[in-house]
Amino acid sequence: MTNNNLNKMRYSTNFIRKFVVAFVGVILTLLGMLWFLQGADIVHLDPILCFSNCEVITGGSQFWEATGAIAFIIGIIIIGVSLRGRKSRI
């Protein structure tokens, strides 16, 4: 392989890796937002998939508020790190 082909392959691999990591960050951010809003008793959703004792949770939950806030922040950090430009080490 020529040097030019190796650079193209390296570029496409880095692009795919950054895209996948950013996608995971977006999913985590959205889940964190949903968990926070459910924990704050702003969003009310019925259970979709239940294995035992399916009841709608009412009144909010500090645990899910905190979990949602942490997941949201981690998701934002993952997105930022994945989209950040990187200097080449050549």
N, C-alpha and C. Protein backbone atom coordinates (compact mmCIF):
# COMPACT_ATOMS: atom_id res chain seq x y z
N MET A 1 0.84 -1.19 0.00
CA MET A 1 0.00 0.00 0.00
C MET A 1 0.87 1.24 0.00
N THR A 2 0.38 2.21 -0.69
CA THR A 2 1.12 3.46 -0.72
C THR A 2 0.82 4.26 0.55
N ASN A 3 1.65 5.23 0.79
CA ASN A 3 1.48 6.09 1.96
C ASN A 3 0.16 6.85 1.90
N ASN A 4 -0.26 7.26 0.70
CA ASN A 4 -1.50 7.99 0.52
C ASN A 4 -2.70 7.12 0.90
N ASN A 5 -2.69 5.85 0.49
CA ASN A 5 -3.78 4.93 0.83
C ASN A 5 -3.84 4.68 2.33
N LEU A 6 -2.68 4.57 2.97
CA LEU A 6 -2.66 4.37 4.43
C LEU A 6 -3.26 5.57 5.15
N ASN A 7 -2.94 6.78 4.68
CA ASN A 7 -3.50 7.99 5.29
C ASN A 7 -5.01 8.05 5.12
N LYS A 8 -5.52 7.66 3.95
CA LYS A 8 -6.97 7.65 3.72
C LYS A 8 -7.65 6.64 4.64
N MET A 9 -7.04 5.45 4.78
CA MET A 9 -7.61 4.42 5.63
C MET A 9 -7.60 4.87 7.09
N ARG A 10 -6.51 5.49 7.50
CA ARG A 10 -6.40 5.99 8.87
C ARG A 10 -7.45 7.07 9.13
N TYR A 11 -7.66 7.95 8.14
CA TYR A 11 -8.64 9.02 8.28
C TYR A 11 -10.05 8.45 8.40
N SER A 12 -10.39 7.46 7.56
CA SER A 12 -11.74 6.90 7.61
C SER A 12 -11.96 6.12 8.91
N THR A 13 -10.95 5.43 9.40
CA THR A 13 -11.08 4.70 10.67
C THR A 13 -11.28 5.68 11.81
N ASN A 14 -10.54 6.77 11.83
CA ASN A 14 -10.71 7.78 12.88
C ASN A 14 -12.09 8.41 12.80
N PHE A 15 -12.58 8.67 11.59
CA PHE A 15 -13.90 9.26 11.42
C PHE A 15 -14.98 8.34 11.96
N ILE A 16 -14.89 7.06 11.62
CA ILE A 16 -15.89 6.09 12.11
C ILE A 16 -15.83 6.00 13.63
N ARG A 17 -14.64 5.94 14.19
CA ARG A 17 -14.48 5.85 15.64
C ARG A 17 -15.09 7.08 16.32
N LYS A 18 -14.79 8.27 15.80
CA LYS A 18 -15.34 9.50 16.38
C LYS A 18 -16.86 9.53 16.27
N PHE A 19 -17.40 9.06 15.13
CA PHE A 19 -18.84 9.05 14.93
C PHE A 19 -19.51 8.11 15.93
N VAL A 20 -18.97 6.91 16.11
CA VAL A 20 -19.56 5.94 17.04
C VAL A 20 -19.50 6.47 18.47
N VAL A 21 -18.38 7.03 18.87
CA VAL A 21 -18.26 7.56 20.23
C VAL A 21 -19.21 8.74 20.43
N ALA A 22 -19.33 9.62 19.44
CA ALA A 22 -20.27 10.74 19.54
C ALA A 22 -21.70 10.24 19.62
N PHE A 23 -22.04 9.20 18.87
CA PHE A 23 -23.38 8.62 18.91
C PHE A 23 -23.70 8.06 20.29
N VAL A 24 -22.75 7.37 20.89
CA VAL A 24 -22.94 6.86 22.26
C VAL A 24 -23.13 8.02 23.23
N GLY A 25 -22.38 9.09 23.05
CA GLY A 25 -22.54 10.27 23.89
C GLY A 25 -23.91 10.91 23.75
N VAL A 26 -24.43 10.96 22.53
CA VAL A 26 -25.77 11.52 22.31
C VAL A 26 -26.83 10.67 22.99
N ILE A 27 -26.73 9.35 22.84
CA ILE A 27 -27.69 8.44 23.48
C ILE A 27 -27.64 8.61 25.00
N LEU A 28 -26.44 8.66 25.57
CA LEU A 28 -26.30 8.82 27.02
C LEU A 28 -26.86 10.17 27.47
N THR A 29 -26.63 11.21 26.69
CA THR A 29 -27.16 12.54 27.02
C THR A 29 -28.69 12.54 27.02
N LEU A 30 -29.28 11.94 25.99
CA LEU A 30 -30.74 11.88 25.91
C LEU A 30 -31.34 11.05 27.04
N LEU A 31 -30.73 9.91 27.35
CA LEU A 31 -31.21 9.10 28.47
C LEU A 31 -31.08 9.85 29.79
N GLY A 32 -29.96 10.54 29.97
CA GLY A 32 -29.77 11.32 31.19
C GLY A 32 -30.82 12.40 31.35
N MET A 33 -31.17 13.05 30.22
CA MET A 33 -32.20 14.07 30.27
C MET A 33 -33.56 13.46 30.64
N LEU A 34 -33.87 12.31 30.04
CA LEU A 34 -35.13 11.64 30.35
C LEU A 34 -35.19 11.21 31.81
N TRP A 35 -34.11 10.60 32.30
CA TRP A 35 -34.08 10.15 33.70
C TRP A 35 -34.22 11.32 34.65
N PHE A 36 -33.54 12.43 34.35
CA PHE A 36 -33.63 13.61 35.20
C PHE A 36 -35.06 14.14 35.24
N LEU A 37 -35.68 14.27 34.06
CA LEU A 37 -37.04 14.80 34.00
C LEU A 37 -38.05 13.87 34.67
N GLN A 38 -37.85 12.56 34.57
CA GLN A 38 -38.72 11.63 35.27
C GLN A 38 -38.49 11.71 36.78
N GLY A 39 -37.24 11.82 37.18
CA GLY A 39 -36.93 11.93 38.60
C GLY A 39 -37.46 13.22 39.21
N ALA A 40 -37.52 14.28 38.41
CA ALA A 40 -38.04 15.57 38.89
C ALA A 40 -39.56 15.62 38.81
N ASP A 41 -40.17 14.54 38.36
CA ASP A 41 -41.63 14.41 38.25
C ASP A 41 -42.21 15.40 37.23
N ILE A 42 -41.45 15.65 36.16
CA ILE A 42 -41.91 16.52 35.09
C ILE A 42 -42.48 15.68 33.94
N VAL A 43 -41.84 14.55 33.65
CA VAL A 43 -42.28 13.64 32.59
C VAL A 43 -42.84 12.39 33.24
N HIS A 44 -44.00 11.96 32.75
CA HIS A 44 -44.65 10.75 33.28
C HIS A 44 -44.83 9.77 32.13
N LEU A 45 -44.19 8.62 32.20
CA LEU A 45 -44.32 7.58 31.19
C LEU A 45 -44.76 6.28 31.85
N ASP A 46 -45.64 5.57 31.18
CA ASP A 46 -46.04 4.25 31.67
C ASP A 46 -44.93 3.26 31.37
N PRO A 47 -44.79 2.23 32.23
CA PRO A 47 -43.78 1.21 31.96
C PRO A 47 -44.07 0.49 30.64
N ILE A 48 -43.04 0.25 29.85
CA ILE A 48 -43.20 -0.41 28.56
C ILE A 48 -42.90 -1.89 28.68
N LEU A 49 -41.81 -2.23 29.32
CA LEU A 49 -41.39 -3.62 29.44
C LEU A 49 -41.22 -3.93 30.92
N CYS A 50 -42.06 -4.80 31.41
CA CYS A 50 -42.02 -5.13 32.84
C CYS A 50 -41.72 -6.60 33.04
N PHE A 51 -40.99 -6.88 34.09
CA PHE A 51 -40.71 -8.26 34.45
C PHE A 51 -41.40 -8.64 35.76
N SER A 52 -41.62 -7.67 36.62
CA SER A 52 -42.34 -7.95 37.87
C SER A 52 -42.83 -6.64 38.47
N ASN A 53 -43.97 -6.69 39.13
CA ASN A 53 -44.52 -5.56 39.88
C ASN A 53 -44.48 -4.25 39.09
N CYS A 54 -45.18 -4.19 37.98
CA CYS A 54 -45.19 -3.00 37.13
C CYS A 54 -46.15 -1.96 37.69
N GLU A 55 -45.60 -0.92 38.23
CA GLU A 55 -46.40 0.18 38.75
C GLU A 55 -45.79 1.49 38.26
N VAL A 56 -46.64 2.45 38.02
CA VAL A 56 -46.17 3.77 37.64
C VAL A 56 -45.60 4.45 38.88
N ILE A 57 -44.40 4.98 38.76
CA ILE A 57 -43.77 5.67 39.87
C ILE A 57 -44.30 7.09 39.91
N THR A 58 -44.78 7.50 41.04
CA THR A 58 -45.30 8.86 41.18
C THR A 58 -44.51 9.61 42.24
N GLY A 59 -44.44 10.91 42.09
CA GLY A 59 -43.82 11.73 43.12
C GLY A 59 -42.35 12.03 42.93
N GLY A 60 -41.76 11.57 41.85
CA GLY A 60 -40.35 11.89 41.61
C GLY A 60 -39.40 11.06 42.45
N SER A 61 -38.14 11.15 42.12
CA SER A 61 -37.13 10.36 42.82
C SER A 61 -35.80 11.10 42.74
N GLN A 62 -35.22 11.37 43.90
CA GLN A 62 -33.92 12.06 43.92
C GLN A 62 -32.82 11.20 43.30
N PHE A 63 -32.94 9.88 43.46
CA PHE A 63 -31.95 8.98 42.88
C PHE A 63 -31.91 9.14 41.36
N TRP A 64 -33.10 9.14 40.71
CA TRP A 64 -33.13 9.25 39.25
C TRP A 64 -32.81 10.66 38.77
N GLU A 65 -33.09 11.65 39.58
CA GLU A 65 -32.66 13.01 39.25
C GLU A 65 -31.14 13.09 39.20
N ALA A 66 -30.50 12.56 40.24
CA ALA A 66 -29.03 12.60 40.31
C ALA A 66 -28.41 11.73 39.22
N THR A 67 -28.97 10.53 39.01
CA THR A 67 -28.45 9.64 37.97
C THR A 67 -28.58 10.28 36.60
N GLY A 68 -29.72 10.92 36.34
CA GLY A 68 -29.92 11.59 35.07
C GLY A 68 -28.96 12.75 34.86
N ALA A 69 -28.74 13.54 35.90
CA ALA A 69 -27.81 14.67 35.79
C ALA A 69 -26.39 14.18 35.51
N ILE A 70 -25.98 13.13 36.20
CA ILE A 70 -24.63 12.59 36.00
C ILE A 70 -24.49 12.01 34.60
N ALA A 71 -25.49 11.25 34.14
CA ALA A 71 -25.44 10.66 32.79
C ALA A 71 -25.42 11.76 31.73
N PHE A 72 -26.19 12.82 31.94
CA PHE A 72 -26.22 13.94 31.00
C PHE A 72 -24.85 14.59 30.89
N ILE A 73 -24.23 14.87 32.02
CA ILE A 73 -22.91 15.52 32.02
C ILE A 73 -21.86 14.62 31.37
N ILE A 74 -21.87 13.33 31.70
CA ILE A 74 -20.91 12.39 31.10
C ILE A 74 -21.13 12.30 29.60
N GLY A 75 -22.39 12.29 29.16
CA GLY A 75 -22.69 12.27 27.73
C GLY A 75 -22.16 13.49 27.00
N ILE A 76 -22.33 14.66 27.60
CA ILE A 76 -21.81 15.90 27.01
C ILE A 76 -20.29 15.86 26.91
N ILE A 77 -19.64 15.35 27.95
CA ILE A 77 -18.18 15.24 27.94
C ILE A 77 -17.73 14.29 26.84
N ILE A 78 -18.42 13.15 26.69
CA ILE A 78 -18.06 12.18 25.65
C ILE A 78 -18.21 12.81 24.26
N ILE A 79 -19.30 13.54 24.05
CA ILE A 79 -19.50 14.21 22.75
C ILE A 79 -18.38 15.21 22.50
N GLY A 80 -18.05 16.01 23.50
CA GLY A 80 -16.99 17.01 23.35
C GLY A 80 -15.64 16.41 23.04
N VAL A 81 -15.31 15.33 23.73
CA VAL A 81 -14.01 14.68 23.51
C VAL A 81 -13.97 14.04 22.13
N SER A 82 -15.08 13.43 21.71
CA SER A 82 -15.07 12.74 20.42
C SER A 82 -15.01 13.72 19.25
N LEU A 83 -15.57 14.91 19.39
CA LEU A 83 -15.59 15.87 18.28
C LEU A 83 -14.43 16.85 18.31
N ARG A 84 -13.64 16.79 19.36
CA ARG A 84 -12.50 17.70 19.49
C ARG A 84 -11.46 17.37 18.43
N GLY A 85 -10.89 18.39 17.86
CA GLY A 85 -9.83 18.19 16.87
C GLY A 85 -8.57 17.70 17.56
N ARG A 86 -7.82 16.91 16.83
CA ARG A 86 -6.60 16.33 17.40
C ARG A 86 -5.42 16.65 16.50
N LYS A 87 -4.32 17.06 17.08
CA LYS A 87 -3.12 17.29 16.29
C LYS A 87 -2.50 15.96 15.92
N SER A 88 -2.01 15.86 14.72
CA SER A 88 -1.41 14.59 14.31
C SER A 88 -0.04 14.43 14.94
N ARG A 89 0.33 13.16 15.16
CA ARG A 89 1.60 12.86 15.83
C ARG A 89 2.67 12.43 14.83
N ILE A 90 2.58 12.86 13.62
CA ILE A 90 3.54 12.42 12.60
C ILE A 90 4.87 13.11 12.77
